[in-house]
C-alpha cells in the first residue's frame, strides 16, 4: 500500500484485529504476528508488543504466563471491556461500509 490514506486505514484496523483474534482463546505475540501476516499485516515485534501493552493498560486485554512447546510465553486474552469495544468497532465498521457503498451517500459526499 503506497497511498497514505490506505496506509492509515490499514493501521487503524490493527487493534480491532488483535481483539478479534484474542476473542476465542489466549494468543501469544508470535502467534498474533503470524496470524496478522496471513491477512497481509507485517508487524515487527517492536511494533506489536507496545500495542499489546497499551491495550492491556486500557483494559481491553488481560495476559497470563504460560508455555508453548516448552517455551515460556505471555498469552493475551480479551476482557469484557475488550469484547464490548470489539462489538462497537464491528458495528461502526458495518455503518461505514454501508455508508461508503450506498449510492445516495456518494453524491452527498462529493
PDB file of N, CA and C in Angstrom:
ATOM      1  N   UNK A   1       0.841  -1.186   0.000  1.00  0.00           N
ATOM      2  CA  UNK A   1       0.000   0.000   0.000  1.00  0.00           C
ATOM      3  C   UNK A   1       0.879   1.240   0.000  1.00  0.00           C
ATOM      4  N   UNK A   2       0.832   1.976  -1.072  1.00  0.00           N
ATOM      5  CA  UNK A   2       1.643   3.182  -1.173  1.00  0.00           C
ATOM      6  C   UNK A   2       0.870   4.431  -0.781  1.00  0.00           C
ATOM      7  N   UNK A   3      -0.410   4.391  -0.930  1.00  0.00           N
ATOM      8  CA  UNK A   3      -1.238   5.549  -0.646  1.00  0.00           C
ATOM      9  C   UNK A   3      -1.319   5.800   0.857  1.00  0.00           C
ATOM     10  N   UNK A   4      -1.093   7.056   1.289  1.00  0.00           N
ATOM     11  CA  UNK A   4      -1.111   7.379   2.721  1.00  0.00           C
ATOM     12  C   UNK A   4      -2.460   7.115   3.369  1.00  0.00           C
ATOM     13  N   UNK A   5      -3.549   7.383   2.663  1.00  0.00           N
ATOM     14  CA  UNK A   5      -4.880   7.135   3.231  1.00  0.00           C
ATOM     15  C   UNK A   5      -5.080   5.638   3.446  1.00  0.00           C
ATOM     16  N   UNK A   6      -4.693   4.832   2.472  1.00  0.00           N
ATOM     17  CA  UNK A   6      -4.817   3.383   2.633  1.00  0.00           C
ATOM     18  C   UNK A   6      -3.934   2.886   3.775  1.00  0.00           C
ATOM     19  N   UNK A   7      -2.754   3.457   3.903  1.00  0.00           N
ATOM     20  CA  UNK A   7      -1.843   3.056   4.980  1.00  0.00           C
ATOM     21  C   UNK A   7      -2.459   3.380   6.341  1.00  0.00           C
ATOM     22  N   UNK A   8      -3.037   4.555   6.477  1.00  0.00           N
ATOM     23  CA  UNK A   8      -3.676   4.926   7.754  1.00  0.00           C
ATOM     24  C   UNK A   8      -4.870   4.024   8.060  1.00  0.00           C
ATOM     25  N   UNK A   9      -5.644   3.715   7.028  1.00  0.00           N
ATOM     26  CA  UNK A   9      -6.778   2.809   7.202  1.00  0.00           C
ATOM     27  C   UNK A   9      -6.276   1.445   7.661  1.00  0.00           C
ATOM     28  N   UNK A  10      -5.256   0.954   7.002  1.00  0.00           N
ATOM     29  CA  UNK A  10      -4.622  -0.321   7.325  1.00  0.00           C
ATOM     30  C   UNK A  10      -4.174  -0.333   8.789  1.00  0.00           C
ATOM     31  N   UNK A  11      -3.499   0.725   9.225  1.00  0.00           N
ATOM     32  CA  UNK A  11      -3.010   0.814  10.600  1.00  0.00           C
ATOM     33  C   UNK A  11      -4.154   0.863  11.603  1.00  0.00           C
ATOM     34  N   UNK A  12      -5.241   1.498  11.221  1.00  0.00           N
ATOM     35  CA  UNK A  12      -6.378   1.636  12.119  1.00  0.00           C
ATOM     36  C   UNK A  12      -7.084   0.336  12.445  1.00  0.00           C
ATOM     37  N   UNK A  13      -6.853  -0.686  11.642  1.00  0.00           N
ATOM     38  CA  UNK A  13      -7.505  -1.972  11.877  1.00  0.00           C
ATOM     39  C   UNK A  13      -6.698  -2.903  12.778  1.00  0.00           C
ATOM     40  N   UNK A  14      -5.486  -2.549  13.124  1.00  0.00           N
ATOM     41  CA  UNK A  14      -4.627  -3.451  13.901  1.00  0.00           C
ATOM     42  C   UNK A  14      -5.269  -3.811  15.243  1.00  0.00           C
ATOM     43  N   UNK A  15      -5.711  -2.842  16.008  1.00  0.00           N
ATOM     44  CA  UNK A  15      -6.276  -3.141  17.333  1.00  0.00           C
ATOM     45  C   UNK A  15      -7.560  -3.966  17.250  1.00  0.00           C
ATOM     46  N   UNK A  16      -8.520  -3.603  16.394  1.00  0.00           N
ATOM     47  CA  UNK A  16      -9.705  -4.474  16.290  1.00  0.00           C
ATOM     48  C   UNK A  16      -9.355  -5.899  15.840  1.00  0.00           C
ATOM     49  N   UNK A  17      -8.359  -6.035  14.972  1.00  0.00           N
ATOM     50  CA  UNK A  17      -7.947  -7.380  14.557  1.00  0.00           C
ATOM     51  C   UNK A  17      -7.366  -8.162  15.731  1.00  0.00           C
ATOM     52  N   UNK A  18      -6.561  -7.521  16.542  1.00  0.00           N
ATOM     53  CA  UNK A  18      -5.994  -8.186  17.719  1.00  0.00           C
ATOM     54  C   UNK A  18      -7.112  -8.587  18.678  1.00  0.00           C
ATOM     55  N   UNK A  19      -8.086  -7.702  18.877  1.00  0.00           N
ATOM     56  CA  UNK A  19      -9.220  -8.042  19.738  1.00  0.00           C
ATOM     57  C   UNK A  19      -9.964  -9.254  19.188  1.00  0.00           C
ATOM     58  N   UNK A  20     -10.213  -9.263  17.892  1.00  0.00           N
ATOM     59  CA  UNK A  20     -10.932 -10.383  17.262  1.00  0.00           C
ATOM     60  C   UNK A  20     -10.154 -11.678  17.416  1.00  0.00           C
ATOM     61  N   UNK A  21      -8.845 -11.629  17.195  1.00  0.00           N
ATOM     62  CA  UNK A  21      -8.020 -12.828  17.311  1.00  0.00           C
ATOM     63  C   UNK A  21      -7.978 -13.354  18.737  1.00  0.00           C
ATOM     64  N   UNK A  22      -8.077 -12.475  19.712  1.00  0.00           N
ATOM     65  CA  UNK A  22      -7.991 -12.860  21.120  1.00  0.00           C
ATOM     66  C   UNK A  22      -9.340 -13.244  21.706  1.00  0.00           C
ATOM     67  N   UNK A  23     -10.399 -13.164  20.920  1.00  0.00           N
ATOM     68  CA  UNK A  23     -11.744 -13.371  21.448  1.00  0.00           C
ATOM     69  C   UNK A  23     -12.005 -14.809  21.882  1.00  0.00           C
ATOM     70  N   UNK A  24     -11.476 -15.775  21.151  1.00  0.00           N
ATOM     71  CA  UNK A  24     -11.812 -17.167  21.433  1.00  0.00           C
ATOM     72  C   UNK A  24     -10.822 -17.875  22.345  1.00  0.00           C
ATOM     73  N   UNK A  25      -9.559 -17.496  22.264  1.00  0.00           N
ATOM     74  CA  UNK A  25      -8.537 -18.162  23.076  1.00  0.00           C
ATOM     75  C   UNK A  25      -7.373 -17.214  23.296  1.00  0.00           C
ATOM     76  N   UNK A  26      -6.572 -17.528  24.270  1.00  0.00           N
ATOM     77  CA  UNK A  26      -5.389 -16.722  24.511  1.00  0.00           C
ATOM     78  C   UNK A  26      -4.350 -16.947  23.424  1.00  0.00           C
ATOM     79  N   UNK A  27      -3.747 -15.883  22.982  1.00  0.00           N
ATOM     80  CA  UNK A  27      -2.710 -15.949  21.954  1.00  0.00           C
ATOM     81  C   UNK A  27      -1.444 -15.292  22.467  1.00  0.00           C
ATOM     82  N   UNK A  28      -0.302 -15.796  22.045  1.00  0.00           N
ATOM     83  CA  UNK A  28       0.955 -15.158  22.397  1.00  0.00           C
ATOM     84  C   UNK A  28       1.459 -14.353  21.210  1.00  0.00           C
ATOM     85  N   UNK A  29       2.410 -13.473  21.467  1.00  0.00           N
ATOM     86  CA  UNK A  29       2.842 -12.475  20.495  1.00  0.00           C
ATOM     87  C   UNK A  29       3.222 -13.006  19.141  1.00  0.00           C
ATOM     88  N   UNK A  30       4.076 -14.039  19.094  1.00  0.00           N
ATOM     89  CA  UNK A  30       4.498 -14.514  17.775  1.00  0.00           C
ATOM     90  C   UNK A  30       3.344 -15.144  17.007  1.00  0.00           C
ATOM     91  N   UNK A  31       2.399 -15.741  17.698  1.00  0.00           N
ATOM     92  CA  UNK A  31       1.217 -16.283  17.026  1.00  0.00           C
ATOM     93  C   UNK A  31       0.354 -15.151  16.471  1.00  0.00           C
ATOM     94  N   UNK A  32       0.230 -14.065  17.224  1.00  0.00           N
ATOM     95  CA  UNK A  32      -0.512 -12.893  16.729  1.00  0.00           C
ATOM     96  C   UNK A  32       0.178 -12.343  15.489  1.00  0.00           C
ATOM     97  N   UNK A  33       1.511 -12.234  15.530  1.00  0.00           N
ATOM     98  CA  UNK A  33       2.257 -11.763  14.359  1.00  0.00           C
ATOM     99  C   UNK A  33       2.010 -12.662  13.150  1.00  0.00           C
ATOM    100  N   UNK A  34       2.028 -13.972  13.363  1.00  0.00           N
ATOM    101  CA  UNK A  34       1.793 -14.921  12.271  1.00  0.00           C
ATOM    102  C   UNK A  34       0.388 -14.781  11.697  1.00  0.00           C
ATOM    103  N   UNK A  35      -0.608 -14.671  12.573  1.00  0.00           N
ATOM    104  CA  UNK A  35      -1.992 -14.540  12.105  1.00  0.00           C
ATOM    105  C   UNK A  35      -2.197 -13.222  11.363  1.00  0.00           C
ATOM    106  N   UNK A  36      -1.595 -12.150  11.864  1.00  0.00           N
ATOM    107  CA  UNK A  36      -1.691 -10.870  11.162  1.00  0.00           C
ATOM    108  C   UNK A  36      -1.032 -10.958   9.783  1.00  0.00           C
ATOM    109  N   UNK A  37       0.100 -11.629   9.719  1.00  0.00           N
ATOM    110  CA  UNK A  37       0.805 -11.744   8.439  1.00  0.00           C
ATOM    111  C   UNK A  37      -0.031 -12.518   7.416  1.00  0.00           C
ATOM    112  N   UNK A  38      -0.785 -13.504   7.871  1.00  0.00           N
ATOM    113  CA  UNK A  38      -1.634 -14.281   6.967  1.00  0.00           C
ATOM    114  C   UNK A  38      -2.688 -13.418   6.278  1.00  0.00           C
ATOM    115  N   UNK A  39      -3.035 -12.293   6.889  1.00  0.00           N
ATOM    116  CA  UNK A  39      -4.034 -11.417   6.264  1.00  0.00           C
ATOM    117  C   UNK A  39      -3.413 -10.117   5.758  1.00  0.00           C
ATOM    118  N   UNK A  40      -2.088 -10.131   5.604  1.00  0.00           N
ATOM    119  CA  UNK A  40      -1.415  -9.020   4.950  1.00  0.00           C
ATOM    120  C   UNK A  40      -0.783  -7.976   5.843  1.00  0.00           C
ATOM    121  N   UNK A  41      -0.781  -8.203   7.140  1.00  0.00           N
ATOM    122  CA  UNK A  41      -0.185  -7.254   8.077  1.00  0.00           C
ATOM    123  C   UNK A  41       1.175  -7.777   8.507  1.00  0.00           C
ATOM    124  N   UNK A  42       2.220  -7.047   8.174  1.00  0.00           N
ATOM    125  CA  UNK A  42       3.562  -7.443   8.598  1.00  0.00           C
ATOM    126  C   UNK A  42       4.048  -6.445   9.643  1.00  0.00           C
ATOM    127  N   UNK A  43       3.951  -6.853  10.895  1.00  0.00           N
ATOM    128  CA  UNK A  43       4.409  -6.015  12.004  1.00  0.00           C
ATOM    129  C   UNK A  43       5.653  -6.632  12.608  1.00  0.00           C
ATOM    130  N   UNK A  44       6.507  -5.797  13.126  1.00  0.00           N
ATOM    131  CA  UNK A  44       7.663  -6.297  13.856  1.00  0.00           C
ATOM    132  C   UNK A  44       7.257  -6.490  15.321  1.00  0.00           C
ATOM    133  N   UNK A  45       7.987  -7.325  16.051  1.00  0.00           N
ATOM    134  CA  UNK A  45       7.715  -7.440  17.482  1.00  0.00           C
ATOM    135  C   UNK A  45       7.824  -6.089  18.188  1.00  0.00           C
ATOM    136  N   UNK A  46       8.741  -5.238  17.731  1.00  0.00           N
ATOM    137  CA  UNK A  46       8.907  -3.915  18.326  1.00  0.00           C
ATOM    138  C   UNK A  46       7.710  -3.003  18.114  1.00  0.00           C
ATOM    139  N   UNK A  47       6.876  -3.327  17.148  1.00  0.00           N
ATOM    140  CA  UNK A  47       5.627  -2.587  16.930  1.00  0.00           C
ATOM    141  C   UNK A  47       4.488  -3.239  17.691  1.00  0.00           C
ATOM    142  N   UNK A  48       4.420  -4.572  17.639  1.00  0.00           N
ATOM    143  CA  UNK A  48       3.297  -5.291  18.252  1.00  0.00           C
ATOM    144  C   UNK A  48       3.268  -5.184  19.767  1.00  0.00           C
ATOM    145  N   UNK A  49       4.388  -5.435  20.425  1.00  0.00           N
ATOM    146  CA  UNK A  49       4.352  -5.530  21.885  1.00  0.00           C
ATOM    147  C   UNK A  49       3.960  -4.227  22.583  1.00  0.00           C
ATOM    148  N   UNK A  50       4.390  -3.059  22.106  1.00  0.00           N
ATOM    149  CA  UNK A  50       3.858  -1.824  22.709  1.00  0.00           C
ATOM    150  C   UNK A  50       2.344  -1.676  22.505  1.00  0.00           C
ATOM    151  N   UNK A  51       1.841  -2.132  21.363  1.00  0.00           N
ATOM    152  CA  UNK A  51       0.388  -2.095  21.128  1.00  0.00           C
ATOM    153  C   UNK A  51      -0.309  -2.992  22.136  1.00  0.00           C
ATOM    154  N   UNK A  52       0.213  -4.189  22.343  1.00  0.00           N
ATOM    155  CA  UNK A  52      -0.392  -5.115  23.310  1.00  0.00           C
ATOM    156  C   UNK A  52      -0.358  -4.542  24.722  1.00  0.00           C
ATOM    157  N   UNK A  53       0.770  -3.941  25.111  1.00  0.00           N
ATOM    158  CA  UNK A  53       0.867  -3.333  26.448  1.00  0.00           C
ATOM    159  C   UNK A  53      -0.147  -2.200  26.605  1.00  0.00           C
ATOM    160  N   UNK A  54      -0.282  -1.372  25.571  1.00  0.00           N
ATOM    161  CA  UNK A  54      -1.247  -0.270  25.627  1.00  0.00           C
ATOM    162  C   UNK A  54      -2.679  -0.802  25.736  1.00  0.00           C
ATOM    163  N   UNK A  55      -2.975  -1.845  24.993  1.00  0.00           N
ATOM    164  CA  UNK A  55      -4.314  -2.434  25.059  1.00  0.00           C
ATOM    165  C   UNK A  55      -4.583  -3.031  26.437  1.00  0.00           C
ATOM    166  N   UNK A  56      -3.540  -3.555  27.091  1.00  0.00           N
ATOM    167  CA  UNK A  56      -3.683  -4.036  28.466  1.00  0.00           C
ATOM    168  C   UNK A  56      -3.952  -2.868  29.415  1.00  0.00           C
ATOM    169  N   UNK A  57      -3.198  -1.804  29.265  1.00  0.00           N
ATOM    170  CA  UNK A  57      -3.381  -0.636  30.129  1.00  0.00           C
ATOM    171  C   UNK A  57      -4.775  -0.053  29.981  1.00  0.00           C
ATOM    172  N   UNK A  58      -5.340  -0.161  28.795  1.00  0.00           N
ATOM    173  CA  UNK A  58      -6.689   0.346  28.547  1.00  0.00           C
ATOM    174  C   UNK A  58      -7.770  -0.625  29.010  1.00  0.00           C
ATOM    175  N   UNK A  59      -7.352  -1.801  29.490  1.00  0.00           N
ATOM    176  CA  UNK A  59      -8.308  -2.780  29.996  1.00  0.00           C
ATOM    177  C   UNK A  59      -8.976  -3.609  28.913  1.00  0.00           C
ATOM    178  N   UNK A  60      -8.428  -3.604  27.700  1.00  0.00           N
ATOM    179  CA  UNK A  60      -9.014  -4.362  26.596  1.00  0.00           C
ATOM    180  C   UNK A  60      -8.516  -5.802  26.564  1.00  0.00           C
ATOM    181  N   UNK A  61      -7.298  -6.009  27.049  1.00  0.00           N
ATOM    182  CA  UNK A  61      -6.688  -7.331  27.087  1.00  0.00           C
ATOM    183  C   UNK A  61      -6.157  -7.634  28.482  1.00  0.00           C
ATOM    184  N   UNK A  62      -6.194  -8.902  28.842  1.00  0.00           N
ATOM    185  CA  UNK A  62      -5.505  -9.417  30.016  1.00  0.00           C
ATOM    186  C   UNK A  62      -4.372 -10.291  29.501  1.00  0.00           C
ATOM    187  N   UNK A  63      -3.432 -10.602  30.355  1.00  0.00           N
ATOM    188  CA  UNK A  63      -2.382 -11.530  29.955  1.00  0.00           C
ATOM    189  C   UNK A  63      -2.039 -12.446  31.117  1.00  0.00           C
ATOM    190  N   UNK A  64      -1.470 -13.578  30.763  1.00  0.00           N
ATOM    191  CA  UNK A  64      -1.010 -14.519  31.777  1.00  0.00           C
ATOM    192  C   UNK A  64       0.209 -15.259  31.232  1.00  0.00           C
ATOM    193  N   UNK A  65       1.019 -15.773  32.141  1.00  0.00           N
ATOM    194  CA  UNK A  65       2.206 -16.539  31.768  1.00  0.00           C
ATOM    195  C   UNK A  65       1.796 -17.977  31.479  1.00  0.00           C
ATOM    196  N   UNK A  66       2.359 -18.532  30.444  1.00  0.00           N
ATOM    197  CA  UNK A  66       2.125 -19.921  30.078  1.00  0.00           C
ATOM    198  C   UNK A  66       3.319 -20.424  29.306  1.00  0.00           C
ATOM    199  N   UNK A  67       3.147 -21.562  28.640  1.00  0.00           N
ATOM    200  CA  UNK A  67       4.237 -22.066  27.805  1.00  0.00           C
ATOM    201  C   UNK A  67       3.652 -22.736  26.574  1.00  0.00           C
ATOM    202  N   UNK A  68       4.446 -22.743  25.524  1.00  0.00           N
ATOM    203  CA  UNK A  68       4.089 -23.400  24.271  1.00  0.00           C
ATOM    204  C   UNK A  68       5.342 -24.073  23.754  1.00  0.00           C
ATOM    205  N   UNK A  69       5.242 -25.359  23.498  1.00  0.00           N
ATOM    206  CA  UNK A  69       6.394 -26.146  23.044  1.00  0.00           C
ATOM    207  C   UNK A  69       7.580 -25.974  23.995  1.00  0.00           C
ATOM    208  N   UNK A  70       7.283 -25.884  25.292  1.00  0.00           N
ATOM    209  CA  UNK A  70       8.330 -25.770  26.291  1.00  0.00           C
ATOM    210  C   UNK A  70       8.906 -24.379  26.470  1.00  0.00           C
ATOM    211  N   UNK A  71       8.433 -23.410  25.692  1.00  0.00           N
ATOM    212  CA  UNK A  71       8.939 -22.041  25.805  1.00  0.00           C
ATOM    213  C   UNK A  71       7.970 -21.211  26.642  1.00  0.00           C
ATOM    214  N   UNK A  72       8.511 -20.400  27.553  1.00  0.00           N
ATOM    215  CA  UNK A  72       7.618 -19.505  28.302  1.00  0.00           C
ATOM    216  C   UNK A  72       7.014 -18.469  27.366  1.00  0.00           C
ATOM    217  N   UNK A  73       5.736 -18.235  27.547  1.00  0.00           N
ATOM    218  CA  UNK A  73       5.013 -17.287  26.693  1.00  0.00           C
ATOM    219  C   UNK A  73       4.087 -16.428  27.547  1.00  0.00           C
ATOM    220  N   UNK A  74       3.793 -15.235  27.042  1.00  0.00           N
ATOM    221  CA  UNK A  74       2.763 -14.393  27.642  1.00  0.00           C
ATOM    222  C   UNK A  74       1.558 -14.482  26.704  1.00  0.00           C
ATOM    223  N   UNK A  75       0.461 -14.978  27.241  1.00  0.00           N
ATOM    224  CA  UNK A  75      -0.771 -15.124  26.469  1.00  0.00           C
ATOM    225  C   UNK A  75      -1.677 -13.923  26.722  1.00  0.00           C
ATOM    226  N   UNK A  76      -2.338 -13.473  25.680  1.00  0.00           N
ATOM    227  CA  UNK A  76      -3.240 -12.328  25.751  1.00  0.00           C
ATOM    228  C   UNK A  76      -4.657 -12.806  25.509  1.00  0.00           C
ATOM    229  N   UNK A  77      -5.568 -12.360  26.375  1.00  0.00           N
ATOM    230  CA  UNK A  77      -6.973 -12.729  26.262  1.00  0.00           C
ATOM    231  C   UNK A  77      -7.837 -11.476  26.306  1.00  0.00           C
ATOM    232  N   UNK A  78      -8.985 -11.580  25.731  1.00  0.00           N
ATOM    233  CA  UNK A  78      -9.932 -10.476  25.660  1.00  0.00           C
ATOM    234  C   UNK A  78     -10.649 -10.295  26.993  1.00  0.00           C
ATOM    235  N   UNK A  79     -10.768  -9.069  27.450  1.00  0.00           N
ATOM    236  CA  UNK A  79     -11.541  -8.759  28.657  1.00  0.00           C
ATOM    237  C   UNK A  79     -12.986  -8.445  28.248  1.00  0.00           C
ATOM    238  N   UNK A  80     -13.854  -8.277  29.230  1.00  0.00           N
ATOM    239  CA  UNK A  80     -15.233  -7.871  28.925  1.00  0.00           C
ATOM    240  C   UNK A  80     -15.244  -6.512  28.228  1.00  0.00           C
ATOM    241  N   UNK A  81     -14.383  -5.612  28.703  1.00  0.00           N
ATOM    242  CA  UNK A  81     -14.283  -4.295  28.070  1.00  0.00           C
ATOM    243  C   UNK A  81     -13.791  -4.428  26.628  1.00  0.00           C
ATOM    244  N   UNK A  82     -12.832  -5.315  26.401  1.00  0.00           N
ATOM    245  CA  UNK A  82     -12.330  -5.559  25.057  1.00  0.00           C
ATOM    246  C   UNK A  82     -13.399  -6.146  24.154  1.00  0.00           C
ATOM    247  N   UNK A  83     -14.200  -7.053  24.706  1.00  0.00           N
ATOM    248  CA  UNK A  83     -15.303  -7.664  23.944  1.00  0.00           C
ATOM    249  C   UNK A  83     -16.318  -6.591  23.535  1.00  0.00           C
ATOM    250  N   UNK A  84     -16.627  -5.687  24.447  1.00  0.00           N
ATOM    251  CA  UNK A  84     -17.567  -4.598  24.142  1.00  0.00           C
ATOM    252  C   UNK A  84     -16.958  -3.651  23.103  1.00  0.00           C
ATOM    253  N   UNK A  85     -15.683  -3.353  23.236  1.00  0.00           N
ATOM    254  CA  UNK A  85     -15.007  -2.493  22.271  1.00  0.00           C
ATOM    255  C   UNK A  85     -15.005  -3.134  20.884  1.00  0.00           C
ATOM    256  N   UNK A  86     -14.760  -4.435  20.821  1.00  0.00           N
ATOM    257  CA  UNK A  86     -14.788  -5.147  19.544  1.00  0.00           C
ATOM    258  C   UNK A  86     -16.178  -5.082  18.923  1.00  0.00           C
ATOM    259  N   UNK A  87     -17.199  -5.302  19.745  1.00  0.00           N
ATOM    260  CA  UNK A  87     -18.586  -5.244  19.257  1.00  0.00           C
ATOM    261  C   UNK A  87     -18.891  -3.855  18.686  1.00  0.00           C
ATOM    262  N   UNK A  88     -18.522  -2.814  19.419  1.00  0.00           N
ATOM    263  CA  UNK A  88     -18.765  -1.450  18.954  1.00  0.00           C
ATOM    264  C   UNK A  88     -17.975  -1.147  17.683  1.00  0.00           C
ATOM    265  N   UNK A  89     -16.740  -1.628  17.603  1.00  0.00           N
ATOM    266  CA  UNK A  89     -15.921  -1.420  16.404  1.00  0.00           C
ATOM    267  C   UNK A  89     -16.551  -2.097  15.196  1.00  0.00           C
ATOM    268  N   UNK A  90     -17.058  -3.307  15.385  1.00  0.00           N
ATOM    269  CA  UNK A  90     -17.691  -4.040  14.286  1.00  0.00           C
ATOM    270  C   UNK A  90     -18.966  -3.335  13.821  1.00  0.00           C
ATOM    271  N   UNK A  91     -19.738  -2.826  14.768  1.00  0.00           N
ATOM    272  CA  UNK A  91     -20.958  -2.097  14.411  1.00  0.00           C
ATOM    273  C   UNK A  91     -20.613  -0.829  13.628  1.00  0.00           C
ATOM    274  N   UNK A  92     -19.586  -0.125  14.057  1.00  0.00           N
ATOM    275  CA  UNK A  92     -19.188   1.104  13.370  1.00  0.00           C
ATOM    276  C   UNK A  92     -18.626   0.788  11.984  1.00  0.00           C
ATOM    277  N   UNK A  93     -17.873  -0.285  11.884  1.00  0.00           N
ATOM    278  CA  UNK A  93     -17.350  -0.702  10.593  1.00  0.00           C
ATOM    279  C   UNK A  93     -18.496  -1.049   9.636  1.00  0.00           C
ATOM    280  N   UNK A  94     -19.520  -1.732  10.131  1.00  0.00           N
ATOM    281  CA  UNK A  94     -20.698  -2.016   9.303  1.00  0.00           C
ATOM    282  C   UNK A  94     -21.347  -0.720   8.828  1.00  0.00           C
ATOM    283  N   UNK A  95     -21.489   0.245   9.741  1.00  0.00           N
ATOM    284  CA  UNK A  95     -22.071   1.538   9.382  1.00  0.00           C
ATOM    285  C   UNK A  95     -21.246   2.207   8.281  1.00  0.00           C
ATOM    286  N   UNK A  96     -19.928   2.265   8.470  1.00  0.00           N
ATOM    287  CA  UNK A  96     -19.062   2.912   7.484  1.00  0.00           C
ATOM    288  C   UNK A  96     -19.113   2.201   6.134  1.00  0.00           C
ATOM    289  N   UNK A  97     -19.088   0.884   6.163  1.00  0.00           N
ATOM    290  CA  UNK A  97     -19.152   0.116   4.922  1.00  0.00           C
ATOM    291  C   UNK A  97     -20.454   0.401   4.190  1.00  0.00           C
ATOM    292  N   UNK A  98     -21.552   0.404   4.919  1.00  0.00           N
ATOM    293  CA  UNK A  98     -22.845   0.712   4.297  1.00  0.00           C
ATOM    294  C   UNK A  98     -22.861   2.134   3.748  1.00  0.00           C
ATOM    295  N   UNK A  99     -22.304   3.073   4.487  1.00  0.00           N
ATOM    296  CA  UNK A  99     -22.262   4.460   4.037  1.00  0.00           C
ATOM    297  C   UNK A  99     -21.443   4.589   2.751  1.00  0.00           C
ATOM    298  N   UNK A 100     -20.283   3.954   2.722  1.00  0.00           N
ATOM    299  CA  UNK A 100     -19.398   4.065   1.570  1.00  0.00           C
ATOM    300  C   UNK A 100     -19.935   3.352   0.336  1.00  0.00           C
ATOM    301  N   UNK A 101     -20.751   2.344   0.510  1.00  0.00           N
ATOM    302  CA  UNK A 101     -21.264   1.597  -0.631  1.00  0.00           C
ATOM    303  C   UNK A 101     -22.656   2.026  -1.064  1.00  0.00           C
ATOM    304  N   UNK A 102     -23.292   2.901  -0.318  1.00  0.00           N
ATOM    305  CA  UNK A 102     -24.628   3.369  -0.657  1.00  0.00           C
ATOM    306  C   UNK A 102     -24.515   4.489  -1.691  1.00  0.00           C
ATOM    307  N   UNK A 103     -25.125   4.297  -2.841  1.00  0.00           N
ATOM    308  CA  UNK A 103     -25.044   5.271  -3.939  1.00  0.00           C
ATOM    309  C   UNK A 103     -25.542   6.657  -3.538  1.00  0.00           C
ATOM    310  N   UNK A 104     -26.601   6.750  -2.744  1.00  0.00           N
ATOM    311  CA  UNK A 104     -27.135   8.066  -2.390  1.00  0.00           C
ATOM    312  C   UNK A 104     -26.157   8.842  -1.504  1.00  0.00           C
ATOM    313  N   UNK A 105     -25.329   8.155  -0.722  1.00  0.00           N
ATOM    314  CA  UNK A 105     -24.336   8.830   0.109  1.00  0.00           C
ATOM    315  C   UNK A 105     -23.153   9.323  -0.694  1.00  0.00           C
ATOM    316  N   UNK A 106     -22.831   8.634  -1.790  1.00  0.00           N
ATOM    317  CA  UNK A 106     -21.679   9.012  -2.600  1.00  0.00           C
ATOM    318  C   UNK A 106     -21.834  10.396  -3.195  1.00  0.00           C
ATOM    319  N   UNK A 107     -23.046  10.720  -3.627  1.00  0.00           N
ATOM    320  CA  UNK A 107     -23.237  12.063  -4.210  1.00  0.00           C
ATOM    321  C   UNK A 107     -23.248  13.132  -3.139  1.00  0.00           C
ATOM    322  N   UNK A 108     -23.682  12.782  -1.936  1.00  0.00           N
ATOM    323  CA  UNK A 108     -23.711  13.772  -0.857  1.00  0.00           C
ATOM    324  C   UNK A 108     -22.301  14.112  -0.393  1.00  0.00           C
ATOM    325  N   UNK A 109     -21.384  13.159  -0.475  1.00  0.00           N
ATOM    326  CA  UNK A 109     -20.008  13.386  -0.026  1.00  0.00           C
ATOM    327  C   UNK A 109     -19.213  14.166  -1.065  1.00  0.00           C
ATOM    328  N   UNK A 110     -19.495  13.965  -2.327  1.00  0.00           N
ATOM    329  CA  UNK A 110     -18.708  14.582  -3.416  1.00  0.00           C
ATOM    330  C   UNK A 110     -18.725  16.072  -3.400  1.00  0.00           C
TER     331      UNK A 110
END
